[in-house]
Amino acid sequence: METLTIKTIGPWMLHGEQILISGNCPLLGGWDPAKALPMKVTQGIIWSIDLDKSRIPETFEYKFIRTRSPRPPSPTSTRATPAPPSPSSH
């Protein structure tokens, strides 16, 4: 499976908060915050998610949602075009 990694920085996160990703494709919930995917802290304040590239369109839009349960959204919108795979990723 070829993956696309999306990262963001969450420097002022409070205890119990998390970052979700929602977008305009089915994998990212079709803009439904209830179907948003949770991201994971990978390095201190860096949040990351690996997506299956075969399940996302070539160009898509997404938002990060900073939330506490039960997920009150606070979105930041971004447009993304996945970069071609690097030769070293194989």
C-alpha atoms as a PDB file:
ATOM      1  CA  MET A   1       0.000   0.000   0.000  1.00  0.00           C
ATOM      2  CA  GLU A   2       1.343   3.409  -0.965  1.00  0.00           C
ATOM      3  CA  THR A   3       0.636   6.028   1.688  1.00  0.00           C
ATOM      4  CA  LEU A   4       0.327   9.780   1.879  1.00  0.00           C
ATOM      5  CA  THR A   5       1.393  11.235   5.224  1.00  0.00           C
ATOM      6  CA  ILE A   6      -0.236  14.483   6.347  1.00  0.00           C
ATOM      7  CA  LYS A   7       1.288  16.353   9.286  1.00  0.00           C
ATOM      8  CA  THR A   8       0.376  19.435  11.258  1.00  0.00           C
ATOM      9  CA  ILE A   9       1.686  21.205  14.329  1.00  0.00           C
ATOM     10  CA  GLY A  10      -0.490  21.464  17.447  1.00  0.00           C
ATOM     11  CA  PRO A  11       1.654  23.517  19.856  1.00  0.00           C
ATOM     12  CA  TRP A  12      -1.062  24.794  22.191  1.00  0.00           C
ATOM     13  CA  MET A  13      -3.100  21.637  22.649  1.00  0.00           C
ATOM     14  CA  LEU A  14      -4.751  21.165  26.031  1.00  0.00           C
ATOM     15  CA  HIS A  15      -4.855  17.859  27.885  1.00  0.00           C
ATOM     16  CA  GLY A  16      -7.625  15.723  26.382  1.00  0.00           C
ATOM     17  CA  GLU A  17      -7.699  17.547  23.036  1.00  0.00           C
ATOM     18  CA  GLN A  18      -6.949  15.881  19.741  1.00  0.00           C
ATOM     19  CA  ILE A  19      -6.692  16.799  16.068  1.00  0.00           C
ATOM     20  CA  LEU A  20      -8.967  15.178  13.495  1.00  0.00           C
ATOM     21  CA  ILE A  21      -8.869  15.475   9.712  1.00  0.00           C
ATOM     22  CA  SER A  22     -12.011  15.837   7.612  1.00  0.00           C
ATOM     23  CA  GLY A  23     -12.264  16.358   3.884  1.00  0.00           C
ATOM     24  CA  ASN A  24     -14.223  16.300   0.658  1.00  0.00           C
ATOM     25  CA  CYS A  25     -13.607  12.616  -0.142  1.00  0.00           C
ATOM     26  CA  PRO A  26     -15.244   9.529   1.416  1.00  0.00           C
ATOM     27  CA  LEU A  27     -12.057   8.414   3.208  1.00  0.00           C
ATOM     28  CA  LEU A  28     -12.002  11.741   5.095  1.00  0.00           C
ATOM     29  CA  GLY A  29     -15.716  11.639   5.913  1.00  0.00           C
ATOM     30  CA  GLY A  30     -17.164  13.844   3.163  1.00  0.00           C
ATOM     31  CA  TRP A  31     -16.936  16.956   5.400  1.00  0.00           C
ATOM     32  CA  ASP A  32     -18.908  15.231   8.193  1.00  0.00           C
ATOM     33  CA  PRO A  33     -16.994  15.991  11.435  1.00  0.00           C
ATOM     34  CA  ALA A  34     -18.508  12.862  13.004  1.00  0.00           C
ATOM     35  CA  LYS A  35     -16.657  10.805  10.354  1.00  0.00           C
ATOM     36  CA  ALA A  36     -13.361  12.694  10.644  1.00  0.00           C
ATOM     37  CA  LEU A  37     -10.234  10.588  11.183  1.00  0.00           C
ATOM     38  CA  PRO A  38      -8.136  11.039  14.341  1.00  0.00           C
ATOM     39  CA  MET A  39      -4.512  12.025  13.921  1.00  0.00           C
ATOM     40  CA  LYS A  40      -1.745  10.805  16.243  1.00  0.00           C
ATOM     41  CA  VAL A  41       1.002  12.706  18.020  1.00  0.00           C
ATOM     42  CA  THR A  42       4.240  11.543  16.425  1.00  0.00           C
ATOM     43  CA  GLN A  43       6.883  13.920  17.834  1.00  0.00           C
ATOM     44  CA  GLY A  44       5.922  16.218  20.691  1.00  0.00           C
ATOM     45  CA  ILE A  45       3.650  18.755  19.003  1.00  0.00           C
ATOM     46  CA  ILE A  46       3.560  17.141  15.540  1.00  0.00           C
ATOM     47  CA  TRP A  47       0.353  15.316  14.649  1.00  0.00           C
ATOM     48  CA  SER A  48       0.327  12.884  11.738  1.00  0.00           C
ATOM     49  CA  ILE A  49      -1.864  10.489   9.767  1.00  0.00           C
ATOM     50  CA  ASP A  50      -1.011   8.029   6.998  1.00  0.00           C
ATOM     51  CA  LEU A  51      -3.661   7.692   4.285  1.00  0.00           C
ATOM     52  CA  ASP A  52      -3.976   4.987   1.634  1.00  0.00           C
ATOM     53  CA  LYS A  53      -3.258   6.882  -1.605  1.00  0.00           C
ATOM     54  CA  SER A  54      -5.454   4.510  -3.605  1.00  0.00           C
ATOM     55  CA  ARG A  55      -8.481   5.712  -1.600  1.00  0.00           C
ATOM     56  CA  ILE A  56      -8.077   9.455  -2.142  1.00  0.00           C
ATOM     57  CA  PRO A  57      -8.458  11.536  -5.316  1.00  0.00           C
ATOM     58  CA  GLU A  58      -5.470  13.220  -6.953  1.00  0.00           C
ATOM     59  CA  THR A  59      -6.618  16.606  -5.617  1.00  0.00           C
ATOM     60  CA  PHE A  60      -8.684  16.949  -2.466  1.00  0.00           C
ATOM     61  CA  GLU A  61      -9.536  19.422   0.281  1.00  0.00           C
ATOM     62  CA  TYR A  62      -9.282  18.876   3.994  1.00  0.00           C
ATOM     63  CA  LYS A  63      -9.589  20.597   7.341  1.00  0.00           C
ATOM     64  CA  PHE A  64      -7.936  19.962  10.663  1.00  0.00           C
ATOM     65  CA  ILE A  65     -10.370  19.898  13.562  1.00  0.00           C
ATOM     66  CA  ARG A  66      -9.097  20.584  17.062  1.00  0.00           C
ATOM     67  CA  THR A  67     -11.483  18.953  19.451  1.00  0.00           C
ATOM     68  CA  ARG A  68     -12.328  17.509  22.826  1.00  0.00           C
ATOM     69  CA  SER A  69     -14.911  14.806  23.097  1.00  0.00           C
ATOM     70  CA  PRO A  70     -17.710  15.168  21.918  1.00  0.00           C
ATOM     71  CA  ARG A  71     -15.854  16.875  19.033  1.00  0.00           C
ATOM     72  CA  PRO A  72     -16.850  20.576  18.856  1.00  0.00           C
ATOM     73  CA  PRO A  73     -15.110  21.552  15.579  1.00  0.00           C
ATOM     74  CA  SER A  74     -12.641  24.395  15.140  1.00  0.00           C
ATOM     75  CA  PRO A  75     -11.557  23.881  11.490  1.00  0.00           C
ATOM     76  CA  THR A  76      -8.654  25.217   9.463  1.00  0.00           C
ATOM     77  CA  SER A  77      -9.078  24.628   5.726  1.00  0.00           C
ATOM     78  CA  THR A  78      -6.346  23.517   3.336  1.00  0.00           C
ATOM     79  CA  ARG A  79      -6.235  22.285  -0.276  1.00  0.00           C
ATOM     80  CA  ALA A  80      -3.804  19.496  -1.051  1.00  0.00           C
ATOM     81  CA  THR A  81      -2.354  17.789  -4.075  1.00  0.00           C
ATOM     82  CA  PRO A  82      -0.380  14.688  -3.155  1.00  0.00           C
ATOM     83  CA  ALA A  83       3.220  14.767  -4.282  1.00  0.00           C
ATOM     84  CA  PRO A  84       4.463  11.928  -6.458  1.00  0.00           C
ATOM     85  CA  PRO A  85       6.287   9.222  -4.524  1.00  0.00           C
ATOM     86  CA  SER A  86       9.973   9.736  -4.013  1.00  0.00           C
ATOM     87  CA  PRO A  87      12.302   7.077  -5.419  1.00  0.00           C
ATOM     88  CA  SER A  88      13.548   6.318  -1.888  1.00  0.00           C
ATOM     89  CA  SER A  89      10.044   5.396  -0.633  1.00  0.00           C
ATOM     90  CA  HIS A  90      10.139   1.910  -2.221  1.00  0.00           C
END
